[in-house]
Amino acid sequence: MSWDGDALAGQMEEVFERQQAAADARANKYTSTAEERARSGEFESLRLSRSRLMDQLSRATNPAHRTMLERALQSVNDEMGEAS
């Protein structure tokens, strides 16, 4: 599995834009139920995990470690897509 930084960055940017749009839509409702707060907390946790993984991936040099980080990042992106 080769690493294509531009493709990965493009995919992550698309996911981030979808998530931002969903967050903006939720913010415009002016109501916050316990369920919405829980979803927001989950999303924030995923966003922080994504940020940490991207940082680690930018510094990783071992191919096996990079592959593991790429898979973890894809998993987080998938979860974020489902959450939004």
PDB file of N, CA and C in Angstrom:
ATOM      1  N   MET A   1       0.857  -1.177   0.000  1.00  0.00           N
ATOM      2  CA  MET A   1       0.000   0.000   0.000  1.00  0.00           C
ATOM      3  C   MET A   1       0.896   1.230   0.000  1.00  0.00           C
ATOM      4  N   SER A   2       0.900   1.938  -1.089  1.00  0.00           N
ATOM      5  CA  SER A   2       1.725   3.138  -1.144  1.00  0.00           C
ATOM      6  C   SER A   2       0.976   4.311  -0.529  1.00  0.00           C
ATOM      7  N   TRP A   3       1.749   5.261  -0.074  1.00  0.00           N
ATOM      8  CA  TRP A   3       1.154   6.420   0.587  1.00  0.00           C
ATOM      9  C   TRP A   3       1.141   7.577  -0.385  1.00  0.00           C
ATOM     10  N   ASP A   4      -0.049   8.074  -0.676  1.00  0.00           N
ATOM     11  CA  ASP A   4      -0.192   9.237  -1.537  1.00  0.00           C
ATOM     12  C   ASP A   4      -0.718  10.370  -0.669  1.00  0.00           C
ATOM     13  N   GLY A   5       0.188  11.227  -0.232  1.00  0.00           N
ATOM     14  CA  GLY A   5      -0.157  12.294   0.700  1.00  0.00           C
ATOM     15  C   GLY A   5      -1.213  13.226   0.158  1.00  0.00           C
ATOM     16  N   ASP A   6      -1.152  13.557  -1.143  1.00  0.00           N
ATOM     17  CA  ASP A   6      -2.139  14.471  -1.717  1.00  0.00           C
ATOM     18  C   ASP A   6      -3.537  13.861  -1.717  1.00  0.00           C
ATOM     19  N   ALA A   7      -3.632  12.582  -2.081  1.00  0.00           N
ATOM     20  CA  ALA A   7      -4.938  11.919  -2.099  1.00  0.00           C
ATOM     21  C   ALA A   7      -5.499  11.812  -0.688  1.00  0.00           C
ATOM     22  N   LEU A   8      -4.651  11.453   0.252  1.00  0.00           N
ATOM     23  CA  LEU A   8      -5.087  11.321   1.636  1.00  0.00           C
ATOM     24  C   LEU A   8      -5.530  12.671   2.184  1.00  0.00           C
ATOM     25  N   ALA A   9      -4.768  13.710   1.892  1.00  0.00           N
ATOM     26  CA  ALA A   9      -5.131  15.050   2.355  1.00  0.00           C
ATOM     27  C   ALA A   9      -6.449  15.492   1.734  1.00  0.00           C
ATOM     28  N   GLY A  10      -6.662  15.170   0.466  1.00  0.00           N
ATOM     29  CA  GLY A  10      -7.918  15.510  -0.193  1.00  0.00           C
ATOM     30  C   GLY A  10      -9.102  14.807   0.432  1.00  0.00           C
ATOM     31  N   GLN A  11      -8.939  13.531   0.728  1.00  0.00           N
ATOM     32  CA  GLN A  11     -10.015  12.773   1.378  1.00  0.00           C
ATOM     33  C   GLN A  11     -10.319  13.351   2.748  1.00  0.00           C
ATOM     34  N   MET A  12      -9.288  13.679   3.491  1.00  0.00           N
ATOM     35  CA  MET A  12      -9.490  14.214   4.839  1.00  0.00           C
ATOM     36  C   MET A  12     -10.166  15.579   4.781  1.00  0.00           C
ATOM     37  N   GLU A  13      -9.813  16.373   3.782  1.00  0.00           N
ATOM     38  CA  GLU A  13     -10.425  17.695   3.644  1.00  0.00           C
ATOM     39  C   GLU A  13     -11.918  17.563   3.330  1.00  0.00           C
ATOM     40  N   GLU A  14     -12.271  16.607   2.473  1.00  0.00           N
ATOM     41  CA  GLU A  14     -13.680  16.382   2.146  1.00  0.00           C
ATOM     42  C   GLU A  14     -14.465  15.969   3.382  1.00  0.00           C
ATOM     43  N   VAL A  15     -13.900  15.060   4.164  1.00  0.00           N
ATOM     44  CA  VAL A  15     -14.555  14.608   5.388  1.00  0.00           C
ATOM     45  C   VAL A  15     -14.721  15.783   6.349  1.00  0.00           C
ATOM     46  N   PHE A  16     -13.677  16.584   6.490  1.00  0.00           N
ATOM     47  CA  PHE A  16     -13.735  17.721   7.401  1.00  0.00           C
ATOM     48  C   PHE A  16     -14.815  18.712   6.974  1.00  0.00           C
ATOM     49  N   GLU A  17     -14.923  18.971   5.672  1.00  0.00           N
ATOM     50  CA  GLU A  17     -15.942  19.909   5.183  1.00  0.00           C
ATOM     51  C   GLU A  17     -17.352  19.382   5.452  1.00  0.00           C
ATOM     52  N   ARG A  18     -17.556  18.089   5.247  1.00  0.00           N
ATOM     53  CA  ARG A  18     -18.875  17.498   5.543  1.00  0.00           C
ATOM     54  C   ARG A  18     -19.192  17.622   7.028  1.00  0.00           C
ATOM     55  N   GLN A  19     -18.190  17.389   7.846  1.00  0.00           N
ATOM     56  CA  GLN A  19     -18.392  17.455   9.287  1.00  0.00           C
ATOM     57  C   GLN A  19     -18.688  18.880   9.730  1.00  0.00           C
ATOM     58  N   GLN A  20     -17.985  19.832   9.147  1.00  0.00           N
ATOM     59  CA  GLN A  20     -18.232  21.233   9.480  1.00  0.00           C
ATOM     60  C   GLN A  20     -19.646  21.645   9.085  1.00  0.00           C
ATOM     61  N   ALA A  21     -20.096  21.211   7.916  1.00  0.00           N
ATOM     62  CA  ALA A  21     -21.448  21.535   7.466  1.00  0.00           C
ATOM     63  C   ALA A  21     -22.477  20.946   8.427  1.00  0.00           C
ATOM     64  N   ALA A  22     -22.239  19.721   8.855  1.00  0.00           N
ATOM     65  CA  ALA A  22     -23.161  19.088   9.800  1.00  0.00           C
ATOM     66  C   ALA A  22     -23.139  19.813  11.142  1.00  0.00           C
ATOM     67  N   ALA A  23     -21.961  20.199  11.590  1.00  0.00           N
ATOM     68  CA  ALA A  23     -21.855  20.917  12.862  1.00  0.00           C
ATOM     69  C   ALA A  23     -22.546  22.272  12.775  1.00  0.00           C
ATOM     70  N   ASP A  24     -22.384  22.957  11.658  1.00  0.00           N
ATOM     71  CA  ASP A  24     -23.047  24.249  11.469  1.00  0.00           C
ATOM     72  C   ASP A  24     -24.561  24.093  11.476  1.00  0.00           C
ATOM     73  N   ALA A  25     -25.049  23.039  10.828  1.00  0.00           N
ATOM     74  CA  ALA A  25     -26.487  22.807  10.795  1.00  0.00           C
ATOM     75  C   ALA A  25     -27.025  22.545  12.200  1.00  0.00           C
ATOM     76  N   ARG A  26     -26.270  21.780  12.974  1.00  0.00           N
ATOM     77  CA  ARG A  26     -26.709  21.512  14.352  1.00  0.00           C
ATOM     78  C   ARG A  26     -26.684  22.788  15.188  1.00  0.00           C
ATOM     79  N   ALA A  27     -25.683  23.619  14.973  1.00  0.00           N
ATOM     80  CA  ALA A  27     -25.563  24.851  15.755  1.00  0.00           C
ATOM     81  C   ALA A  27     -26.712  25.811  15.450  1.00  0.00           C
ATOM     82  N   ASN A  28     -27.251  25.754  14.253  1.00  0.00           N
ATOM     83  CA  ASN A  28     -28.325  26.658  13.864  1.00  0.00           C
ATOM     84  C   ASN A  28     -29.688  26.254  14.426  1.00  0.00           C
ATOM     85  N   LYS A  29     -29.771  25.105  15.036  1.00  0.00           N
ATOM     86  CA  LYS A  29     -31.052  24.658  15.598  1.00  0.00           C
ATOM     87  C   LYS A  29     -31.379  25.367  16.913  1.00  0.00           C
ATOM     88  N   TYR A  30     -30.388  25.857  17.604  1.00  0.00           N
ATOM     89  CA  TYR A  30     -30.549  26.564  18.884  1.00  0.00           C
ATOM     90  C   TYR A  30     -31.151  25.689  19.980  1.00  0.00           C
ATOM     91  N   THR A  31     -31.223  24.421  19.767  1.00  0.00           N
ATOM     92  CA  THR A  31     -31.682  23.510  20.810  1.00  0.00           C
ATOM     93  C   THR A  31     -30.608  22.451  20.997  1.00  0.00           C
ATOM     94  N   SER A  32     -30.408  22.072  22.216  1.00  0.00           N
ATOM     95  CA  SER A  32     -29.390  21.084  22.502  1.00  0.00           C
ATOM     96  C   SER A  32     -29.957  20.054  23.467  1.00  0.00           C
ATOM     97  N   THR A  33     -30.265  18.899  22.937  1.00  0.00           N
ATOM     98  CA  THR A  33     -30.747  17.813  23.781  1.00  0.00           C
ATOM     99  C   THR A  33     -29.555  17.038  24.317  1.00  0.00           C
ATOM    100  N   ALA A  34     -29.811  16.176  25.249  1.00  0.00           N
ATOM    101  CA  ALA A  34     -28.739  15.349  25.807  1.00  0.00           C
ATOM    102  C   ALA A  34     -28.113  14.496  24.708  1.00  0.00           C
ATOM    103  N   GLU A  35     -28.937  14.010  23.802  1.00  0.00           N
ATOM    104  CA  GLU A  35     -28.432  13.186  22.705  1.00  0.00           C
ATOM    105  C   GLU A  35     -27.505  14.002  21.786  1.00  0.00           C
ATOM    106  N   GLU A  36     -27.885  15.233  21.500  1.00  0.00           N
ATOM    107  CA  GLU A  36     -27.053  16.093  20.655  1.00  0.00           C
ATOM    108  C   GLU A  36     -25.723  16.408  21.335  1.00  0.00           C
ATOM    109  N   ARG A  37     -25.780  16.647  22.636  1.00  0.00           N
ATOM    110  CA  ARG A  37     -24.547  16.917  23.372  1.00  0.00           C
ATOM    111  C   ARG A  37     -23.628  15.690  23.364  1.00  0.00           C
ATOM    112  N   ALA A  38     -24.216  14.516  23.496  1.00  0.00           N
ATOM    113  CA  ALA A  38     -23.426  13.281  23.464  1.00  0.00           C
ATOM    114  C   ALA A  38     -22.791  13.092  22.087  1.00  0.00           C
ATOM    115  N   ARG A  39     -23.567  13.333  21.033  1.00  0.00           N
ATOM    116  CA  ARG A  39     -23.024  13.219  19.676  1.00  0.00           C
ATOM    117  C   ARG A  39     -21.918  14.238  19.450  1.00  0.00           C
ATOM    118  N   SER A  40     -22.121  15.437  19.953  1.00  0.00           N
ATOM    119  CA  SER A  40     -21.117  16.485  19.804  1.00  0.00           C
ATOM    120  C   SER A  40     -19.827  16.093  20.528  1.00  0.00           C
ATOM    121  N   GLY A  41     -19.957  15.531  21.715  1.00  0.00           N
ATOM    122  CA  GLY A  41     -18.785  15.084  22.464  1.00  0.00           C
ATOM    123  C   GLY A  41     -18.062  13.959  21.750  1.00  0.00           C
ATOM    124  N   GLU A  42     -18.815  13.029  21.189  1.00  0.00           N
ATOM    125  CA  GLU A  42     -18.224  11.918  20.438  1.00  0.00           C
ATOM    126  C   GLU A  42     -17.483  12.457  19.210  1.00  0.00           C
ATOM    127  N   PHE A  43     -18.124  13.384  18.528  1.00  0.00           N
ATOM    128  CA  PHE A  43     -17.516  13.965  17.334  1.00  0.00           C
ATOM    129  C   PHE A  43     -16.223  14.700  17.685  1.00  0.00           C
ATOM    130  N   GLU A  44     -16.235  15.440  18.763  1.00  0.00           N
ATOM    131  CA  GLU A  44     -15.035  16.174  19.190  1.00  0.00           C
ATOM    132  C   GLU A  44     -13.922  15.190  19.538  1.00  0.00           C
ATOM    133  N   SER A  45     -14.266  14.092  20.174  1.00  0.00           N
ATOM    134  CA  SER A  45     -13.272  13.070  20.501  1.00  0.00           C
ATOM    135  C   SER A  45     -12.673  12.487  19.219  1.00  0.00           C
ATOM    136  N   LEU A  46     -13.518  12.216  18.235  1.00  0.00           N
ATOM    137  CA  LEU A  46     -13.033  11.695  16.959  1.00  0.00           C
ATOM    138  C   LEU A  46     -12.158  12.727  16.243  1.00  0.00           C
ATOM    139  N   ARG A  47     -12.550  13.983  16.314  1.00  0.00           N
ATOM    140  CA  ARG A  47     -11.781  15.047  15.668  1.00  0.00           C
ATOM    141  C   ARG A  47     -10.380  15.141  16.282  1.00  0.00           C
ATOM    142  N   LEU A  48     -10.304  15.028  17.599  1.00  0.00           N
ATOM    143  CA  LEU A  48      -9.008  15.075  18.269  1.00  0.00           C
ATOM    144  C   LEU A  48      -8.163  13.844  17.933  1.00  0.00           C
ATOM    145  N   SER A  49      -8.799  12.688  17.861  1.00  0.00           N
ATOM    146  CA  SER A  49      -8.080  11.470  17.473  1.00  0.00           C
ATOM    147  C   SER A  49      -7.538  11.607  16.059  1.00  0.00           C
ATOM    148  N   ARG A  50      -8.346  12.158  15.181  1.00  0.00           N
ATOM    149  CA  ARG A  50      -7.937  12.362  13.792  1.00  0.00           C
ATOM    150  C   ARG A  50      -6.725  13.290  13.734  1.00  0.00           C
ATOM    151  N   SER A  51      -6.768  14.354  14.486  1.00  0.00           N
ATOM    152  CA  SER A  51      -5.659  15.307  14.515  1.00  0.00           C
ATOM    153  C   SER A  51      -4.378  14.643  15.010  1.00  0.00           C
ATOM    154  N   ARG A  52      -4.494  13.862  16.063  1.00  0.00           N
ATOM    155  CA  ARG A  52      -3.333  13.160  16.623  1.00  0.00           C
ATOM    156  C   ARG A  52      -2.765  12.164  15.607  1.00  0.00           C
ATOM    157  N   LEU A  53      -3.647  11.409  14.935  1.00  0.00           N
ATOM    158  CA  LEU A  53      -3.186  10.441  13.949  1.00  0.00           C
ATOM    159  C   LEU A  53      -2.497  11.121  12.767  1.00  0.00           C
ATOM    160  N   MET A  54      -3.043  12.243  12.320  1.00  0.00           N
ATOM    161  CA  MET A  54      -2.429  12.966  11.203  1.00  0.00           C
ATOM    162  C   MET A  54      -1.034  13.459  11.596  1.00  0.00           C
ATOM    163  N   ASP A  55      -0.889  13.920  12.818  1.00  0.00           N
ATOM    164  CA  ASP A  55       0.412  14.374  13.298  1.00  0.00           C
ATOM    165  C   ASP A  55       1.398  13.213  13.335  1.00  0.00           C
ATOM    166  N   GLN A  56       0.959  12.087  13.867  1.00  0.00           N
ATOM    167  CA  GLN A  56       1.834  10.917  13.937  1.00  0.00           C
ATOM    168  C   GLN A  56       2.200  10.434  12.540  1.00  0.00           C
ATOM    169  N   LEU A  57       1.225  10.452  11.632  1.00  0.00           N
ATOM    170  CA  LEU A  57       1.473   9.999  10.268  1.00  0.00           C
ATOM    171  C   LEU A  57       2.488  10.898   9.562  1.00  0.00           C
ATOM    172  N   SER A  58       2.441  12.175   9.844  1.00  0.00           N
ATOM    173  CA  SER A  58       3.383  13.091   9.202  1.00  0.00           C
ATOM    174  C   SER A  58       4.821  12.842   9.649  1.00  0.00           C
ATOM    175  N   ARG A  59       4.995  12.233  10.813  1.00  0.00           N
ATOM    176  CA  ARG A  59       6.332  11.979  11.346  1.00  0.00           C
ATOM    177  C   ARG A  59       6.781  10.532  11.207  1.00  0.00           C
ATOM    178  N   ALA A  60       5.864   9.628  10.882  1.00  0.00           N
ATOM    179  CA  ALA A  60       6.185   8.197  10.835  1.00  0.00           C
ATOM    180  C   ALA A  60       7.101   7.880   9.649  1.00  0.00           C
ATOM    181  N   THR A  61       8.092   7.043   9.899  1.00  0.00           N
ATOM    182  CA  THR A  61       9.021   6.641   8.838  1.00  0.00           C
ATOM    183  C   THR A  61       8.968   5.138   8.568  1.00  0.00           C
ATOM    184  N   ASN A  62       8.579   4.352   9.521  1.00  0.00           N
ATOM    185  CA  ASN A  62       8.487   2.907   9.345  1.00  0.00           C
ATOM    186  C   ASN A  62       7.255   2.572   8.515  1.00  0.00           C
ATOM    187  N   PRO A  63       7.420   1.840   7.405  1.00  0.00           N
ATOM    188  CA  PRO A  63       6.276   1.533   6.533  1.00  0.00           C
ATOM    189  C   PRO A  63       5.131   0.796   7.247  1.00  0.00           C
ATOM    190  N   ALA A  64       5.466  -0.128   8.120  1.00  0.00           N
ATOM    191  CA  ALA A  64       4.424  -0.866   8.838  1.00  0.00           C
ATOM    192  C   ALA A  64       3.653   0.071   9.772  1.00  0.00           C
ATOM    193  N   HIS A  65       4.366   0.964  10.427  1.00  0.00           N
ATOM    194  CA  HIS A  65       3.729   1.919  11.331  1.00  0.00           C
ATOM    195  C   HIS A  65       2.847   2.882  10.537  1.00  0.00           C
ATOM    196  N   ARG A  66       3.335   3.340   9.381  1.00  0.00           N
ATOM    197  CA  ARG A  66       2.550   4.231   8.524  1.00  0.00           C
ATOM    198  C   ARG A  66       1.252   3.542   8.091  1.00  0.00           C
ATOM    199  N   THR A  67       1.353   2.271   7.712  1.00  0.00           N
ATOM    200  CA  THR A  67       0.168   1.513   7.290  1.00  0.00           C
ATOM    201  C   THR A  67      -0.839   1.427   8.424  1.00  0.00           C
ATOM    202  N   MET A  68      -0.362   1.142   9.623  1.00  0.00           N
ATOM    203  CA  MET A  68      -1.242   1.064  10.782  1.00  0.00           C
ATOM    204  C   MET A  68      -1.922   2.407  11.035  1.00  0.00           C
ATOM    205  N   LEU A  69      -1.162   3.491  10.945  1.00  0.00           N
ATOM    206  CA  LEU A  69      -1.731   4.818  11.159  1.00  0.00           C
ATOM    207  C   LEU A  69      -2.741   5.177  10.065  1.00  0.00           C
ATOM    208  N   GLU A  70      -2.448   4.826   8.825  1.00  0.00           N
ATOM    209  CA  GLU A  70      -3.382   5.091   7.725  1.00  0.00           C
ATOM    210  C   GLU A  70      -4.699   4.363   7.940  1.00  0.00           C
ATOM    211  N   ARG A  71      -4.610   3.117   8.377  1.00  0.00           N
ATOM    212  CA  ARG A  71      -5.835   2.341   8.652  1.00  0.00           C
ATOM    213  C   ARG A  71      -6.622   2.951   9.814  1.00  0.00           C
ATOM    214  N   ALA A  72      -5.917   3.350  10.839  1.00  0.00           N
ATOM    215  CA  ALA A  72      -6.585   3.965  11.988  1.00  0.00           C
ATOM    216  C   ALA A  72      -7.235   5.283  11.573  1.00  0.00           C
ATOM    217  N   LEU A  73      -6.548   6.054  10.762  1.00  0.00           N
ATOM    218  CA  LEU A  73      -7.090   7.326  10.285  1.00  0.00           C
ATOM    219  C   LEU A  73      -8.326   7.096   9.438  1.00  0.00           C
ATOM    220  N   GLN A  74      -8.285   6.088   8.569  1.00  0.00           N
ATOM    221  CA  GLN A  74      -9.458   5.777   7.743  1.00  0.00           C
ATOM    222  C   GLN A  74     -10.635   5.358   8.624  1.00  0.00           C
ATOM    223  N   SER A  75     -10.358   4.602   9.653  1.00  0.00           N
ATOM    224  CA  SER A  75     -11.412   4.181  10.573  1.00  0.00           C
ATOM    225  C   SER A  75     -12.052   5.379  11.268  1.00  0.00           C
ATOM    226  N   VAL A  76     -11.218   6.296  11.735  1.00  0.00           N
ATOM    227  CA  VAL A  76     -11.735   7.508  12.391  1.00  0.00           C
ATOM    228  C   VAL A  76     -12.538   8.336  11.404  1.00  0.00           C
ATOM    229  N   ASN A  77     -12.030   8.483  10.171  1.00  0.00           N
ATOM    230  CA  ASN A  77     -12.770   9.229   9.155  1.00  0.00           C
ATOM    231  C   ASN A  77     -14.124   8.590   8.871  1.00  0.00           C
ATOM    232  N   ASP A  78     -14.149   7.256   8.802  1.00  0.00           N
ATOM    233  CA  ASP A  78     -15.419   6.555   8.581  1.00  0.00           C
ATOM    234  C   ASP A  78     -16.397   6.818   9.723  1.00  0.00           C
ATOM    235  N   GLU A  79     -15.888   6.740  10.945  1.00  0.00           N
ATOM    236  CA  GLU A  79     -16.739   6.988  12.108  1.00  0.00           C
ATOM    237  C   GLU A  79     -17.268   8.433  12.105  1.00  0.00           C
ATOM    238  N   MET A  80     -16.416   9.359  11.717  1.00  0.00           N
ATOM    239  CA  MET A  80     -16.833  10.760  11.668  1.00  0.00           C
ATOM    240  C   MET A  80     -17.909  10.954  10.601  1.00  0.00           C
ATOM    241  N   GLY A  81     -17.760  10.253   9.495  1.00  0.00           N
ATOM    242  CA  GLY A  81     -18.762  10.329   8.436  1.00  0.00           C
ATOM    243  C   GLY A  81     -20.107   9.790   8.899  1.00  0.00           C
ATOM    244  N   GLU A  82     -20.075   8.726   9.679  1.00  0.00           N
ATOM    245  CA  GLU A  82     -21.307   8.148  10.209  1.00  0.00           C
ATOM    246  C   GLU A  82     -21.932   9.044  11.271  1.00  0.00           C
ATOM    247  N   ALA A  83     -21.087   9.734  12.027  1.00  0.00           N
ATOM    248  CA  ALA A  83     -21.580  10.568  13.121  1.00  0.00           C
ATOM    249  C   ALA A  83     -22.211  11.857  12.611  1.00  0.00           C
ATOM    250  N   SER A  84     -21.829  12.288  11.431  1.00  0.00           N
ATOM    251  CA  SER A  84     -22.369  13.564  10.939  1.00  0.00           C
ATOM    252  C   SER A  84     -23.638  13.394  10.158  1.00  0.00           C
TER     253      SER A  84
END
